[in-house]
């Protein structure tokens, strides 16, 4: 198995309103990012973008900010 590390980002104040509006989002919360190495030794960071989660779970636009922090956190993680 190649090296991999799962990063978990949770915040009840942000996640609870999302689960009230769309209980199915609980399958994707807390937010996660996976740092993994491919066969060539290149490291990748994979995560579900907020827009994808919005479409997948029917999240209202005004609550998108509750899960948008993952993009900034992911950028910081790869610095």
N, C-alpha and C. Protein backbone atom coordinates (compact mmCIF):
# COMPACT_ATOMS: atom_id res chain seq x y z
N UNK A 1 0.84 -1.18 0.00
CA UNK A 1 0.00 0.00 0.00
C UNK A 1 0.89 1.24 0.00
N UNK A 2 0.56 2.17 -0.85
CA UNK A 2 1.31 3.42 -0.94
C UNK A 2 0.96 4.35 0.23
N UNK A 3 1.86 5.29 0.55
CA UNK A 3 1.59 6.23 1.64
C UNK A 3 0.32 7.04 1.39
N UNK A 4 -0.45 7.22 2.44
CA UNK A 4 -1.67 8.03 2.36
C UNK A 4 -1.99 8.53 3.76
N UNK A 5 -2.58 9.71 3.83
CA UNK A 5 -2.99 10.26 5.11
C UNK A 5 -4.33 10.96 4.93
N UNK A 6 -5.27 10.63 5.81
CA UNK A 6 -6.59 11.25 5.77
C UNK A 6 -6.62 12.41 6.75
N UNK A 7 -7.00 13.59 6.26
CA UNK A 7 -7.12 14.78 7.08
C UNK A 7 -8.61 15.04 7.30
N UNK A 8 -9.01 15.27 8.54
CA UNK A 8 -10.42 15.44 8.88
C UNK A 8 -10.63 16.84 9.45
N UNK A 9 -11.63 17.55 8.91
CA UNK A 9 -11.95 18.90 9.33
C UNK A 9 -13.39 18.93 9.81
N UNK A 10 -13.63 19.18 11.09
CA UNK A 10 -14.99 19.21 11.59
C UNK A 10 -15.27 20.46 12.40
N UNK A 11 -16.50 20.92 12.31
CA UNK A 11 -16.94 22.08 13.07
C UNK A 11 -18.45 21.95 13.27
N UNK A 12 -18.91 21.59 14.47
CA UNK A 12 -20.34 21.42 14.70
C UNK A 12 -21.17 22.66 14.39
N UNK A 13 -20.63 23.86 14.63
CA UNK A 13 -21.37 25.09 14.33
C UNK A 13 -21.64 25.23 12.84
N UNK A 14 -20.73 24.74 12.02
CA UNK A 14 -20.90 24.82 10.57
C UNK A 14 -21.70 23.64 10.03
N UNK A 15 -21.45 22.45 10.57
CA UNK A 15 -22.09 21.24 10.04
C UNK A 15 -23.53 21.03 10.44
N UNK A 16 -23.89 21.42 11.66
CA UNK A 16 -25.26 21.19 12.14
C UNK A 16 -26.32 21.85 11.27
N UNK A 17 -26.17 23.14 10.90
CA UNK A 17 -27.19 23.74 10.03
C UNK A 17 -27.31 23.02 8.68
N UNK A 18 -26.21 22.50 8.18
CA UNK A 18 -26.24 21.76 6.91
C UNK A 18 -27.04 20.47 7.07
N UNK A 19 -26.82 19.77 8.17
CA UNK A 19 -27.52 18.50 8.40
C UNK A 19 -29.00 18.71 8.69
N UNK A 20 -29.36 19.87 9.25
CA UNK A 20 -30.77 20.18 9.48
C UNK A 20 -31.48 20.37 8.15
N UNK A 21 -30.85 21.10 7.24
CA UNK A 21 -31.43 21.38 5.93
C UNK A 21 -31.41 20.14 5.03
N UNK A 22 -30.31 19.40 5.08
CA UNK A 22 -30.15 18.24 4.21
C UNK A 22 -29.45 17.11 4.98
N UNK A 23 -30.22 16.25 5.65
CA UNK A 23 -29.62 15.20 6.47
C UNK A 23 -28.63 14.30 5.72
N UNK A 24 -28.79 14.15 4.42
CA UNK A 24 -27.89 13.26 3.66
C UNK A 24 -26.44 13.73 3.67
N UNK A 25 -26.20 15.02 3.93
CA UNK A 25 -24.82 15.51 3.94
C UNK A 25 -24.01 14.90 5.08
N UNK A 26 -24.68 14.32 6.04
CA UNK A 26 -23.96 13.70 7.16
C UNK A 26 -22.99 12.62 6.68
N UNK A 27 -23.26 12.03 5.52
CA UNK A 27 -22.35 11.02 4.96
C UNK A 27 -21.02 11.64 4.57
N UNK A 28 -21.00 12.93 4.28
CA UNK A 28 -19.78 13.62 3.86
C UNK A 28 -19.19 14.52 4.94
N UNK A 29 -19.79 14.53 6.11
CA UNK A 29 -19.27 15.33 7.21
C UNK A 29 -18.74 14.41 8.31
N UNK A 30 -17.68 14.76 8.99
CA UNK A 30 -16.89 15.97 8.78
C UNK A 30 -16.20 15.94 7.42
N UNK A 31 -15.83 17.12 6.96
CA UNK A 31 -15.11 17.23 5.69
C UNK A 31 -13.78 16.49 5.79
N UNK A 32 -13.37 15.93 4.67
CA UNK A 32 -12.13 15.15 4.64
C UNK A 32 -11.31 15.49 3.41
N UNK A 33 -10.00 15.35 3.54
CA UNK A 33 -9.08 15.46 2.41
C UNK A 33 -8.11 14.28 2.52
N UNK A 34 -7.75 13.72 1.40
CA UNK A 34 -6.83 12.58 1.37
C UNK A 34 -5.54 12.98 0.67
N UNK A 35 -4.44 12.92 1.39
CA UNK A 35 -3.11 13.11 0.80
C UNK A 35 -2.59 11.72 0.47
N UNK A 36 -2.23 11.49 -0.80
CA UNK A 36 -1.81 10.15 -1.21
C UNK A 36 -0.74 10.23 -2.28
N UNK A 37 0.05 9.16 -2.35
CA UNK A 37 1.15 9.09 -3.31
C UNK A 37 0.80 8.11 -4.41
N UNK A 38 1.03 8.53 -5.66
CA UNK A 38 0.75 7.62 -6.77
C UNK A 38 1.96 6.72 -7.07
N UNK A 39 1.84 5.89 -8.08
CA UNK A 39 2.89 4.94 -8.43
C UNK A 39 4.20 5.57 -8.87
N UNK A 40 4.15 6.84 -9.28
CA UNK A 40 5.36 7.54 -9.70
C UNK A 40 5.98 8.36 -8.56
N UNK A 41 5.41 8.26 -7.37
CA UNK A 41 5.92 8.99 -6.23
C UNK A 41 5.39 10.42 -6.11
N UNK A 42 4.44 10.79 -6.97
CA UNK A 42 3.86 12.12 -6.91
C UNK A 42 2.77 12.13 -5.83
N UNK A 43 2.73 13.21 -5.04
CA UNK A 43 1.75 13.33 -3.95
C UNK A 43 0.58 14.17 -4.43
N UNK A 44 -0.63 13.70 -4.11
CA UNK A 44 -1.87 14.35 -4.50
C UNK A 44 -2.69 14.67 -3.25
N UNK A 45 -3.56 15.66 -3.36
CA UNK A 45 -4.51 15.97 -2.30
C UNK A 45 -5.90 15.95 -2.93
N UNK A 46 -6.74 15.05 -2.47
CA UNK A 46 -8.08 14.90 -3.04
C UNK A 46 -9.13 15.24 -1.98
N UNK A 47 -10.18 15.94 -2.42
CA UNK A 47 -11.30 16.23 -1.52
C UNK A 47 -12.51 16.60 -2.37
N UNK A 48 -13.68 16.53 -1.76
CA UNK A 48 -14.91 16.92 -2.45
C UNK A 48 -15.07 18.43 -2.36
N UNK A 49 -15.16 19.07 -3.51
CA UNK A 49 -15.31 20.52 -3.55
C UNK A 49 -16.70 20.91 -3.01
N UNK A 50 -16.79 22.09 -2.38
CA UNK A 50 -18.07 22.54 -1.84
C UNK A 50 -19.19 22.57 -2.89
N UNK A 51 -18.88 22.96 -4.12
CA UNK A 51 -19.90 23.01 -5.17
C UNK A 51 -20.47 21.61 -5.46
N UNK A 52 -19.60 20.60 -5.43
CA UNK A 52 -20.05 19.22 -5.62
C UNK A 52 -20.98 18.81 -4.49
N UNK A 53 -20.60 19.11 -3.25
CA UNK A 53 -21.44 18.76 -2.11
C UNK A 53 -22.76 19.51 -2.15
N UNK A 54 -22.73 20.76 -2.61
CA UNK A 54 -23.95 21.55 -2.76
C UNK A 54 -24.92 20.85 -3.71
N UNK A 55 -24.42 20.44 -4.86
CA UNK A 55 -25.26 19.75 -5.84
C UNK A 55 -25.69 18.37 -5.34
N UNK A 56 -24.79 17.64 -4.75
CA UNK A 56 -25.07 16.28 -4.30
C UNK A 56 -26.18 16.24 -3.24
N UNK A 57 -26.17 17.24 -2.34
CA UNK A 57 -27.09 17.20 -1.21
C UNK A 57 -28.14 18.31 -1.23
N UNK A 58 -28.15 19.12 -2.27
CA UNK A 58 -29.14 20.19 -2.37
C UNK A 58 -28.97 21.26 -1.31
N UNK A 59 -27.73 21.60 -1.02
CA UNK A 59 -27.45 22.60 0.00
C UNK A 59 -27.81 23.99 -0.54
N UNK A 60 -28.54 24.79 0.23
CA UNK A 60 -28.84 26.15 -0.21
C UNK A 60 -27.56 26.99 -0.34
N UNK A 61 -27.57 27.89 -1.30
CA UNK A 61 -26.39 28.72 -1.58
C UNK A 61 -25.90 29.46 -0.34
N UNK A 62 -26.83 29.94 0.50
CA UNK A 62 -26.42 30.72 1.67
C UNK A 62 -25.67 29.89 2.72
N UNK A 63 -25.76 28.57 2.66
CA UNK A 63 -25.03 27.71 3.60
C UNK A 63 -23.73 27.16 3.01
N UNK A 64 -23.46 27.47 1.76
CA UNK A 64 -22.24 26.98 1.11
C UNK A 64 -20.99 27.46 1.85
N UNK A 65 -21.07 28.63 2.45
CA UNK A 65 -19.93 29.17 3.20
C UNK A 65 -19.53 28.25 4.35
N UNK A 66 -20.47 27.47 4.86
CA UNK A 66 -20.18 26.57 5.98
C UNK A 66 -19.19 25.46 5.62
N UNK A 67 -19.09 25.13 4.34
CA UNK A 67 -18.16 24.07 3.92
C UNK A 67 -17.06 24.58 2.98
N UNK A 68 -17.07 25.86 2.71
CA UNK A 68 -16.08 26.42 1.77
C UNK A 68 -14.69 26.52 2.35
N UNK A 69 -14.55 26.44 3.66
CA UNK A 69 -13.23 26.55 4.29
C UNK A 69 -12.29 25.44 3.86
N UNK A 70 -12.82 24.32 3.39
CA UNK A 70 -11.94 23.20 3.03
C UNK A 70 -10.97 23.58 1.91
N UNK A 71 -11.39 24.46 1.03
CA UNK A 71 -10.49 24.83 -0.06
C UNK A 71 -9.27 25.58 0.48
N UNK A 72 -9.47 26.52 1.38
CA UNK A 72 -8.35 27.26 1.97
C UNK A 72 -7.49 26.33 2.82
N UNK A 73 -8.12 25.42 3.56
CA UNK A 73 -7.37 24.47 4.38
C UNK A 73 -6.53 23.54 3.51
N UNK A 74 -7.09 23.11 2.40
CA UNK A 74 -6.36 22.22 1.49
C UNK A 74 -5.16 22.95 0.88
N UNK A 75 -5.35 24.20 0.49
CA UNK A 75 -4.24 24.99 -0.06
C UNK A 75 -3.13 25.14 0.98
N UNK A 76 -3.50 25.41 2.21
CA UNK A 76 -2.53 25.57 3.30
C UNK A 76 -1.78 24.26 3.54
N UNK A 77 -2.48 23.14 3.43
CA UNK A 77 -1.88 21.83 3.70
C UNK A 77 -0.80 21.48 2.68
N UNK A 78 -0.90 22.00 1.47
CA UNK A 78 0.08 21.63 0.45
C UNK A 78 1.23 22.64 0.32
N UNK A 79 1.22 23.67 1.14
CA UNK A 79 2.33 24.65 1.11
C UNK A 79 3.63 24.03 1.58
